[in-house]
Each structure stands twice: as structure tokens, then as C-alpha cells.
Amino acid sequence: MTRYDAAEAASYRVAREISLTGLRAWREVLQPYLLPGRTVLDLGAGTGLFVRAFREWFPDVPVVAVEPSADMRAASGLPMLDGSAYEIPLPDASVDVVWMSTVVHHVRDLPAAGAELRRVLRPGGVVVLRSLFRERHSGIGLFRFFPEAVRALSGFPTVAEVASGTGFAVSRLEAVPQVSASSLADKAATLRQEADTLLRSLSASEFAAGRARLLEAAAVETGPVVDHLDLLVLEKIAVGAGRSLQG
């Protein structure tokens, strides 16, 4: 899993964190999984956006945060455990839901991660991902201004690769809207190349050209910036059962 330094962690909080109002649709789709009494593992918790969101949305759901980057943990200001998808510092069968937000593209050894996920999940537990997948990126407005960033998607897995690699079955897949910024002007003001995997793939000239296109559009366009990331829910494969893919 990718580790971030202090500067990147600080930029992440500025550029990547979204208001809870903007994430309202995520609260709705997560409601069936984050039920009172269930224990949730926020794996790759970053600067703690969803730890804070879950505390507000689902106050009766205990959340354990695990993050491999010491600088991210420090930037969060929240209690977090040092660990990764390959070494989760929790006992066997100790959580009901594993939440992974924009994390899976950093996981290079999916079988090893899958084994750890199965170890910590209780019977009937699920893995819930919020992510961008290689074959499903039409809902990301960033590519309008930074078309060269599409090439970074070569490092992102497909839905099928995540499921087969981890050894789980797909039980739910859908695009979920989120208000990523109040306006294009706000998006431009908080844009940080070092805080985004897609933007880090750009050269300095490509980033500058894209930012200029963004600023030009921001001068004439109003209204919120709405992007779509995928909700992917994985469940353990029952003996003798095949995988299914619901879109």
C-alpha cells in the first residue's frame, strides 16, 4: 500500500476531503451495512474523513481505523492503528464490515490482502469499497480538464480483478454521486497535484495546462461539481457457489 509523507498528508486534507453534505448519498447507500452493534474496520483510513463521517452518521457503530502512513495518522488527529491490508492489527473474526475508501488501487498483492480480509471478518461479514475502477471512470469530471490523467488508470484494477484477486464475490456494484466541490472555482482553489494519484501521473506542463483549462471553465460555469465513484460490496464465496456481478 502507498505511504504518504507529511506534505502529501497535509495536501490530502485540503484537496481530497469532501464535506459530509457532499457525501450524503454515501450515507444512504451504506445504511444497510453499518447497523448498530456491527464493528467496522476503516482500512487505509487516511486523514480520517470517514471515521468522522461514520461517527456522525452511525453513532452506534464502533469504528476501528487502520492506516499505514504515520504522517496520515498524525494529520488525522484521530486514534488510528498502524497496519495495512497485508497486516491488519486485529484478531481473527473481529469485524463485521471492512470499509476501504479509494484504497484498493494501492493494494498490489490482492491475494494477500484477501486472505487478511477473510481472517478478520466475522461470518456473514462484507467488504465495502468506495473506489474508481479502470473500466468505470466516466463519472469523474477531472478527466475533462486533465485528459492525460486517463493513462494513470492503467495502474487501477477492474472490478473483476478485485473480486477474483481477493477471492470474494460481488454482491453489489453501483455508481454513487457526490458533490466534490461547491463550484469549479472552489475545485481549482483546493487542487493539489501531490494529493491525487491521477494527477501525480502528469508532467508539470500537463498539469499546468489542465489547471488553466479548469480556471477558464471556472470563470463562466457555476454550480456544484458532482462526480461519481463506485460502491462495490464483496462477500465471501460460499462453497460451491459461483461469482455474480450486479451492475
Protein backbone atom coordinates (compact mmCIF):
# COMPACT_ATOMS: atom_id res chain seq x y z
CA MET A 1 0.00 0.00 0.00
CA THR A 2 1.16 3.53 -0.80
CA ARG A 3 2.63 5.53 2.07
CA TYR A 4 2.43 9.32 2.19
CA ASP A 5 4.82 11.88 3.67
CA ALA A 6 3.79 14.84 5.84
CA ALA A 7 3.44 17.30 2.96
CA GLU A 8 1.28 14.90 0.98
CA ALA A 9 -0.86 14.17 4.03
CA ALA A 10 -1.47 17.89 4.60
CA SER A 11 -2.32 18.38 0.92
CA TYR A 12 -4.67 15.42 1.05
CA ARG A 13 -6.77 17.10 3.73
CA VAL A 14 -7.01 20.28 1.66
CA ALA A 15 -7.59 18.76 -1.75
CA ARG A 16 -9.38 15.44 -1.20
CA GLU A 17 -11.67 15.74 1.79
CA ILE A 18 -15.31 16.35 0.94
CA SER A 19 -17.98 17.85 3.19
CA LEU A 20 -20.41 15.45 4.83
CA THR A 21 -23.19 17.24 2.99
CA GLY A 22 -21.47 16.44 -0.29
CA LEU A 23 -21.21 12.79 0.75
CA ARG A 24 -24.90 12.48 1.66
CA ALA A 25 -25.61 9.82 -0.98
CA TRP A 26 -22.89 7.66 0.55
CA ARG A 27 -24.66 7.72 3.89
CA GLU A 28 -27.78 6.36 2.20
CA VAL A 29 -26.09 3.50 0.35
CA LEU A 30 -24.05 2.49 3.42
CA GLN A 31 -27.03 2.39 5.78
CA PRO A 32 -27.79 -1.33 5.20
CA TYR A 33 -24.24 -2.35 6.18
CA LEU A 34 -23.37 -0.05 9.09
CA LEU A 35 -26.02 -1.24 11.51
CA PRO A 36 -25.97 -0.69 15.30
CA GLY A 37 -23.71 -3.18 17.05
CA ARG A 38 -21.66 -4.06 14.00
CA THR A 39 -17.93 -3.33 14.15
CA VAL A 40 -16.42 -1.53 11.17
CA LEU A 41 -12.77 -1.52 10.13
CA ASP A 42 -11.79 1.58 8.15
CA LEU A 43 -8.78 0.14 6.33
CA GLY A 44 -6.49 2.77 4.84
CA ALA A 45 -8.32 5.45 6.79
CA GLY A 46 -6.07 8.26 5.54
CA THR A 47 -6.79 11.53 7.30
CA GLY A 48 -9.94 10.16 8.89
CA LEU A 49 -12.69 11.61 6.69
CA PHE A 50 -14.91 8.56 7.01
CA VAL A 51 -14.04 7.91 10.65
CA ARG A 52 -15.56 11.31 11.36
CA ALA A 53 -18.44 10.72 8.94
CA PHE A 54 -19.36 7.38 10.49
CA ARG A 55 -19.27 8.87 13.99
CA GLU A 56 -21.87 11.42 12.90
CA TRP A 57 -23.97 9.21 10.63
CA PHE A 58 -23.88 5.96 12.58
CA PRO A 59 -23.11 6.79 16.23
CA ASP A 60 -23.97 3.27 17.44
CA VAL A 61 -21.42 1.62 15.13
CA PRO A 62 -17.88 1.14 16.55
CA VAL A 63 -15.18 2.06 14.02
CA VAL A 64 -11.55 0.93 14.15
CA ALA A 65 -9.20 2.91 11.89
CA VAL A 66 -6.06 1.38 10.40
CA GLU A 67 -3.61 3.43 8.32
CA PRO A 68 -0.04 2.53 7.18
CA SER A 69 1.24 6.12 6.92
CA ALA A 70 2.40 7.71 10.18
CA ASP A 71 2.02 11.15 8.60
CA MET A 72 -1.56 10.43 7.57
CA ARG A 73 -2.33 9.20 11.08
CA ALA A 74 -0.80 12.37 12.53
CA ALA A 75 -2.70 14.61 10.09
CA SER A 76 -5.97 12.95 11.03
CA GLY A 77 -5.78 13.91 14.70
CA LEU A 78 -7.68 10.70 15.46
CA PRO A 79 -6.76 7.42 17.17
CA MET A 80 -5.54 5.05 14.46
CA LEU A 81 -3.66 1.78 14.38
CA ASP A 82 -0.53 1.22 12.30
CA GLY A 83 -1.26 -1.51 9.79
CA SER A 84 -2.02 -2.33 6.18
CA ALA A 85 -4.14 -4.60 4.01
CA TYR A 86 -1.42 -7.24 4.37
CA GLU A 87 -1.05 -6.91 8.14
CA ILE A 88 -4.24 -5.89 9.89
CA PRO A 89 -3.54 -5.47 13.63
CA LEU A 90 -6.82 -7.05 14.74
CA PRO A 91 -7.81 -10.52 16.00
CA ASP A 92 -9.42 -13.18 13.83
CA ALA A 93 -13.16 -12.75 13.20
CA SER A 94 -13.29 -9.37 14.94
CA VAL A 95 -15.12 -7.09 12.45
CA ASP A 96 -18.38 -7.21 10.52
CA VAL A 97 -17.57 -4.68 7.81
CA VAL A 98 -14.28 -3.70 6.19
CA TRP A 99 -14.55 -0.24 4.64
CA MET A 100 -11.95 0.79 2.05
CA SER A 101 -12.29 4.25 0.51
CA THR A 102 -10.09 4.99 -2.53
CA VAL A 103 -7.61 2.42 -1.28
CA VAL A 104 -7.78 -0.71 -3.40
CA HIS A 105 -5.72 0.73 -6.28
CA HIS A 106 -2.82 0.98 -3.82
CA VAL A 107 -3.07 -2.73 -2.95
CA ARG A 108 -0.65 -4.56 -5.23
CA ASP A 109 -0.95 -8.04 -3.71
CA LEU A 110 -4.68 -8.70 -3.83
CA PRO A 111 -4.49 -12.39 -2.81
CA ALA A 112 -2.50 -11.49 0.33
CA ALA A 113 -4.98 -8.74 1.16
CA GLY A 114 -7.89 -11.05 0.51
CA ALA A 115 -6.52 -13.59 2.97
CA GLU A 116 -6.22 -10.91 5.66
CA LEU A 117 -9.72 -9.61 4.97
CA ARG A 118 -11.20 -13.09 5.32
CA ARG A 119 -9.23 -13.58 8.54
CA VAL A 120 -10.60 -10.51 10.32
CA LEU A 121 -14.17 -10.76 9.03
CA ARG A 122 -16.81 -12.48 11.08
CA PRO A 123 -19.18 -14.95 9.38
CA GLY A 124 -21.52 -13.00 7.14
CA GLY A 125 -19.17 -10.01 7.06
CA VAL A 126 -18.65 -7.89 3.96
CA VAL A 127 -16.00 -5.71 2.35
CA VAL A 128 -17.39 -2.36 1.19
CA LEU A 129 -15.32 -0.28 -1.21
CA ARG A 130 -15.62 3.29 -2.46
CA SER A 131 -13.38 3.40 -5.47
CA LEU A 132 -12.56 4.21 -9.06
CA PHE A 133 -12.02 1.21 -11.33
CA ARG A 134 -10.13 1.06 -14.59
CA GLU A 135 -13.16 0.30 -16.77
CA ARG A 136 -15.57 2.60 -14.91
CA HIS A 137 -14.33 6.20 -14.95
CA SER A 138 -16.86 8.17 -17.00
CA GLY A 139 -18.26 9.78 -13.86
CA ILE A 140 -15.02 11.56 -12.93
CA GLY A 141 -15.03 15.17 -14.10
CA LEU A 142 -11.29 15.59 -13.57
CA PHE A 143 -10.61 13.96 -16.94
CA ARG A 144 -12.42 16.80 -18.70
CA PHE A 145 -9.59 19.16 -17.76
CA PHE A 146 -6.74 16.67 -17.40
CA PRO A 147 -7.33 14.13 -20.21
CA GLU A 148 -3.76 12.83 -19.96
CA ALA A 149 -4.54 11.57 -16.45
CA VAL A 150 -6.50 8.71 -18.00
CA ARG A 151 -3.23 6.90 -18.53
CA ALA A 152 -2.84 6.55 -14.76
CA LEU A 153 -5.86 4.25 -14.81
CA SER A 154 -3.59 1.51 -16.16
CA GLY A 155 -2.50 1.07 -12.54
CA PHE A 156 -6.08 0.74 -11.28
CA PRO A 157 -7.72 -2.69 -11.10
CA THR A 158 -11.01 -3.64 -12.72
CA VAL A 159 -13.95 -4.78 -10.61
CA ALA A 160 -13.40 -8.36 -11.78
CA GLU A 161 -9.71 -8.21 -10.89
CA VAL A 162 -10.50 -7.04 -7.37
CA ALA A 163 -13.08 -9.77 -6.83
CA SER A 164 -11.05 -12.61 -8.31
CA GLY A 165 -7.81 -11.39 -6.78
CA THR A 166 -9.17 -11.20 -3.26
CA GLY A 167 -11.30 -14.33 -3.60
CA PHE A 168 -14.62 -12.61 -2.87
CA ALA A 169 -17.91 -12.46 -4.76
CA VAL A 170 -19.51 -9.21 -5.94
CA SER A 171 -22.87 -8.66 -4.30
CA ARG A 172 -23.43 -5.01 -5.24
CA LEU A 173 -21.97 -2.54 -7.69
CA GLU A 174 -23.29 0.93 -8.44
CA ALA A 175 -22.07 4.45 -9.13
CA VAL A 176 -22.75 6.87 -6.28
CA PRO A 177 -22.88 10.67 -6.79
CA GLN A 178 -21.00 13.04 -4.53
CA VAL A 179 -20.57 16.80 -4.50
CA SER A 180 -16.79 17.02 -4.76
CA ALA A 181 -16.71 20.83 -4.59
CA SER A 182 -19.20 23.67 -4.33
CA SER A 183 -18.02 25.03 -7.70
CA LEU A 184 -15.26 24.71 -10.25
CA ALA A 185 -13.65 27.76 -8.69
CA ASP A 186 -13.56 26.01 -5.34
CA LYS A 187 -12.18 22.91 -7.04
CA ALA A 188 -9.39 24.95 -8.62
CA ALA A 189 -8.55 26.63 -5.32
CA THR A 190 -8.06 23.34 -3.50
CA LEU A 191 -6.40 21.40 -6.32
CA ARG A 192 -3.12 19.76 -5.30
CA GLN A 193 -1.18 17.59 -7.74
CA GLU A 194 0.63 15.70 -4.98
CA ALA A 195 -2.66 14.71 -3.32
CA ASP A 196 -4.16 12.80 -6.24
CA THR A 197 -2.92 9.54 -7.76
CA LEU A 198 -4.28 10.55 -11.16
CA LEU A 199 -2.70 14.00 -11.15
CA ARG A 200 0.66 12.72 -9.93
CA SER A 201 0.98 10.89 -13.26
CA LEU A 202 1.09 14.21 -15.13
CA SER A 203 4.13 16.17 -16.17
CA ALA A 204 4.47 19.73 -14.90
CA SER A 205 3.36 21.10 -18.28
CA GLU A 206 0.36 18.76 -18.47
CA PHE A 207 -0.76 19.76 -15.00
CA ALA A 208 -0.33 23.46 -15.77
CA ALA A 209 -2.33 23.15 -18.99
CA GLY A 210 -5.11 21.27 -17.23
CA ARG A 211 -5.27 23.78 -14.41
CA ALA A 212 -5.54 26.57 -16.98
CA ARG A 213 -8.48 24.78 -18.63
CA LEU A 214 -10.09 24.35 -15.22
CA LEU A 215 -9.67 28.04 -14.34
CA GLU A 216 -11.08 29.08 -17.73
CA ALA A 217 -14.19 26.97 -17.17
CA ALA A 218 -14.50 28.16 -13.57
CA ALA A 219 -14.74 31.75 -14.78
CA VAL A 220 -18.01 31.07 -16.61
CA GLU A 221 -19.56 27.96 -15.05
CA THR A 222 -21.41 27.90 -11.74
CA GLY A 223 -22.98 25.18 -9.65
CA PRO A 224 -21.61 22.24 -7.71
CA VAL A 225 -19.09 19.75 -9.03
CA VAL A 226 -20.67 16.28 -8.99
CA ASP A 227 -18.56 13.19 -9.50
CA HIS A 228 -19.39 9.51 -9.27
CA LEU A 229 -17.34 6.84 -7.54
CA ASP A 230 -18.35 3.20 -7.34
CA LEU A 231 -19.78 1.37 -4.38
CA LEU A 232 -18.53 -2.22 -4.55
CA VAL A 233 -19.67 -4.72 -1.94
CA LEU A 234 -17.82 -8.03 -1.68
CA GLU A 235 -18.86 -11.08 0.27
CA LYS A 236 -17.20 -14.38 0.98
CA ILE A 237 -17.79 -17.03 -1.65
CA ALA A 238 -19.98 -19.86 -0.37
CA VAL A 239 -18.64 -23.34 -1.01
CA GLY A 240 -19.84 -24.50 -4.41
CA ALA A 241 -21.18 -21.07 -5.36
CA GLY A 242 -20.06 -19.02 -8.34
CA ARG A 243 -19.41 -15.32 -8.53
CA SER A 244 -22.07 -12.91 -9.64
CA LEU A 245 -21.75 -9.35 -10.90
CA GLN A 246 -24.62 -6.95 -10.46
CA GLY A 247 -24.44 -3.55 -12.11
